[in-house]
Amino acid sequence: MSMWVIISWVFVGILTGVNIFIFLKLKGASEQMLKMAFPNAKNMNEALGQMQKMMGGRGGMPNMGGMKKGGAMDAQLQQAMAMLKNMKK
């Protein structure tokens, strides 16, 4: 019975090591993506601050081209909304 306990703990240790390795690789990839998105940021906190400033600070989405000044919708978006309304009928 103690042999199975030892084997299970070895298995847990191996899986934990794999999990840490994958986490570090994903963390490096996310930092690289932030550096590419905000090349003038000196560190990750500054890049995150720039991203939050871009998002408007209120948690809202930035003006991504779907909405124009004055709140007028794009023609394609209006057509999509009209199609959805027709589908509900």
C-alpha atoms as a PDB file:
ATOM      1  CA  MET A   1       0.000   0.000   0.000  1.00  0.00           C
ATOM      2  CA  SER A   2       2.789   2.475   0.812  1.00  0.00           C
ATOM      3  CA  MET A   3       4.273   1.840  -2.641  1.00  0.00           C
ATOM      4  CA  TRP A   4       1.114   3.257  -4.257  1.00  0.00           C
ATOM      5  CA  VAL A   5       1.258   6.312  -2.001  1.00  0.00           C
ATOM      6  CA  ILE A   6       4.847   6.967  -3.067  1.00  0.00           C
ATOM      7  CA  ILE A   7       3.982   6.441  -6.746  1.00  0.00           C
ATOM      8  CA  SER A   8       0.994   8.801  -6.482  1.00  0.00           C
ATOM      9  CA  TRP A   9       3.126  11.537  -4.858  1.00  0.00           C
ATOM     10  CA  VAL A  10       5.778  11.144  -7.544  1.00  0.00           C
ATOM     11  CA  PHE A  11       3.003  11.487 -10.140  1.00  0.00           C
ATOM     12  CA  VAL A  12       1.679  14.621  -8.367  1.00  0.00           C
ATOM     13  CA  GLY A  13       5.199  16.083  -8.330  1.00  0.00           C
ATOM     14  CA  ILE A  14       5.661  15.446 -12.053  1.00  0.00           C
ATOM     15  CA  LEU A  15       2.292  17.011 -12.904  1.00  0.00           C
ATOM     16  CA  THR A  16       3.059  20.023 -10.698  1.00  0.00           C
ATOM     17  CA  GLY A  17       6.369  20.510 -12.498  1.00  0.00           C
ATOM     18  CA  VAL A  18       4.663  20.325 -15.891  1.00  0.00           C
ATOM     19  CA  ASN A  19       2.022  22.801 -14.703  1.00  0.00           C
ATOM     20  CA  ILE A  20       4.660  25.302 -13.526  1.00  0.00           C
ATOM     21  CA  PHE A  21       6.584  24.959 -16.805  1.00  0.00           C
ATOM     22  CA  ILE A  22       3.438  25.631 -18.899  1.00  0.00           C
ATOM     23  CA  PHE A  23       2.466  28.578 -16.680  1.00  0.00           C
ATOM     24  CA  LEU A  24       5.870  30.205 -17.121  1.00  0.00           C
ATOM     25  CA  LYS A  25       5.744  29.727 -20.913  1.00  0.00           C
ATOM     26  CA  LEU A  26       2.256  31.282 -21.090  1.00  0.00           C
ATOM     27  CA  LYS A  27       3.335  34.169 -18.850  1.00  0.00           C
ATOM     28  CA  GLY A  28       6.267  34.864 -21.162  1.00  0.00           C
ATOM     29  CA  ALA A  29       3.970  34.798 -24.189  1.00  0.00           C
ATOM     30  CA  SER A  30       1.519  37.239 -22.598  1.00  0.00           C
ATOM     31  CA  GLU A  31       4.350  39.624 -21.687  1.00  0.00           C
ATOM     32  CA  GLN A  32       5.648  39.430 -25.247  1.00  0.00           C
ATOM     33  CA  MET A  33       2.171  40.238 -26.598  1.00  0.00           C
ATOM     34  CA  LEU A  34       1.903  43.257 -24.284  1.00  0.00           C
ATOM     35  CA  LYS A  35       5.343  44.458 -25.414  1.00  0.00           C
ATOM     36  CA  MET A  36       4.252  44.187 -29.044  1.00  0.00           C
ATOM     37  CA  ALA A  37       0.950  45.968 -28.389  1.00  0.00           C
ATOM     38  CA  PHE A  38       2.553  48.777 -26.354  1.00  0.00           C
ATOM     39  CA  PRO A  39       6.162  49.127 -27.546  1.00  0.00           C
ATOM     40  CA  ASN A  40       6.800  52.415 -25.701  1.00  0.00           C
ATOM     41  CA  ALA A  41       5.929  50.962 -22.268  1.00  0.00           C
ATOM     42  CA  LYS A  42       8.895  50.511 -19.940  1.00  0.00           C
ATOM     43  CA  ASN A  43       7.399  47.650 -17.915  1.00  0.00           C
ATOM     44  CA  MET A  44       4.271  45.510 -17.702  1.00  0.00           C
ATOM     45  CA  ASN A  45       2.517  47.798 -15.196  1.00  0.00           C
ATOM     46  CA  GLU A  46       2.897  50.737 -17.569  1.00  0.00           C
ATOM     47  CA  ALA A  47       1.608  48.639 -20.478  1.00  0.00           C
ATOM     48  CA  LEU A  48      -1.421  47.577 -18.443  1.00  0.00           C
ATOM     49  CA  GLY A  49      -1.997  51.208 -17.469  1.00  0.00           C
ATOM     50  CA  GLN A  50      -1.929  52.243 -21.121  1.00  0.00           C
ATOM     51  CA  MET A  51      -4.388  49.473 -21.955  1.00  0.00           C
ATOM     52  CA  GLN A  52      -6.758  50.605 -19.205  1.00  0.00           C
ATOM     53  CA  LYS A  53      -6.448  54.211 -20.390  1.00  0.00           C
ATOM     54  CA  MET A  54      -7.239  53.051 -23.927  1.00  0.00           C
ATOM     55  CA  MET A  55     -10.302  51.185 -22.642  1.00  0.00           C
ATOM     56  CA  GLY A  56     -11.631  54.443 -21.260  1.00  0.00           C
ATOM     57  CA  GLY A  57     -11.051  53.880 -17.562  1.00  0.00           C
ATOM     58  CA  ARG A  58     -14.734  53.161 -17.007  1.00  0.00           C
ATOM     59  CA  GLY A  59     -14.492  49.543 -18.069  1.00  0.00           C
ATOM     60  CA  GLY A  60     -16.103  50.330 -21.408  1.00  0.00           C
ATOM     61  CA  MET A  61     -14.814  49.316 -24.809  1.00  0.00           C
ATOM     62  CA  PRO A  62     -12.784  51.825 -26.806  1.00  0.00           C
ATOM     63  CA  ASN A  63     -14.028  53.258 -30.070  1.00  0.00           C
ATOM     64  CA  MET A  64     -13.154  50.311 -32.312  1.00  0.00           C
ATOM     65  CA  GLY A  65     -14.700  51.672 -35.504  1.00  0.00           C
ATOM     66  CA  GLY A  66     -18.108  50.074 -34.985  1.00  0.00           C
ATOM     67  CA  MET A  67     -19.432  53.260 -33.426  1.00  0.00           C
ATOM     68  CA  LYS A  68     -18.782  56.666 -34.907  1.00  0.00           C
ATOM     69  CA  LYS A  69     -18.845  60.034 -33.165  1.00  0.00           C
ATOM     70  CA  GLY A  70     -22.343  61.026 -32.186  1.00  0.00           C
ATOM     71  CA  GLY A  71     -23.324  57.377 -31.640  1.00  0.00           C
ATOM     72  CA  ALA A  72     -24.247  56.693 -35.260  1.00  0.00           C
ATOM     73  CA  MET A  73     -23.899  52.998 -36.144  1.00  0.00           C
ATOM     74  CA  ASP A  74     -21.942  51.658 -39.033  1.00  0.00           C
ATOM     75  CA  ALA A  75     -24.040  50.596 -42.058  1.00  0.00           C
ATOM     76  CA  GLN A  76     -23.080  46.930 -41.704  1.00  0.00           C
ATOM     77  CA  LEU A  77     -24.002  46.934 -38.032  1.00  0.00           C
ATOM     78  CA  GLN A  78     -27.370  48.478 -38.846  1.00  0.00           C
ATOM     79  CA  GLN A  79     -28.012  45.761 -41.439  1.00  0.00           C
ATOM     80  CA  ALA A  80     -27.067  43.045 -38.965  1.00  0.00           C
ATOM     81  CA  MET A  81     -29.427  44.496 -36.361  1.00  0.00           C
ATOM     82  CA  ALA A  82     -32.233  44.636 -38.929  1.00  0.00           C
ATOM     83  CA  MET A  83     -31.597  40.991 -39.860  1.00  0.00           C
ATOM     84  CA  LEU A  84     -31.791  39.989 -36.205  1.00  0.00           C
ATOM     85  CA  LYS A  85     -35.063  41.841 -35.784  1.00  0.00           C
ATOM     86  CA  ASN A  86     -36.496  40.075 -38.850  1.00  0.00           C
ATOM     87  CA  MET A  87     -35.372  36.673 -37.544  1.00  0.00           C
ATOM     88  CA  LYS A  88     -37.286  37.199 -34.286  1.00  0.00           C
ATOM     89  CA  LYS A  89     -40.567  37.797 -36.143  1.00  0.00           C
END
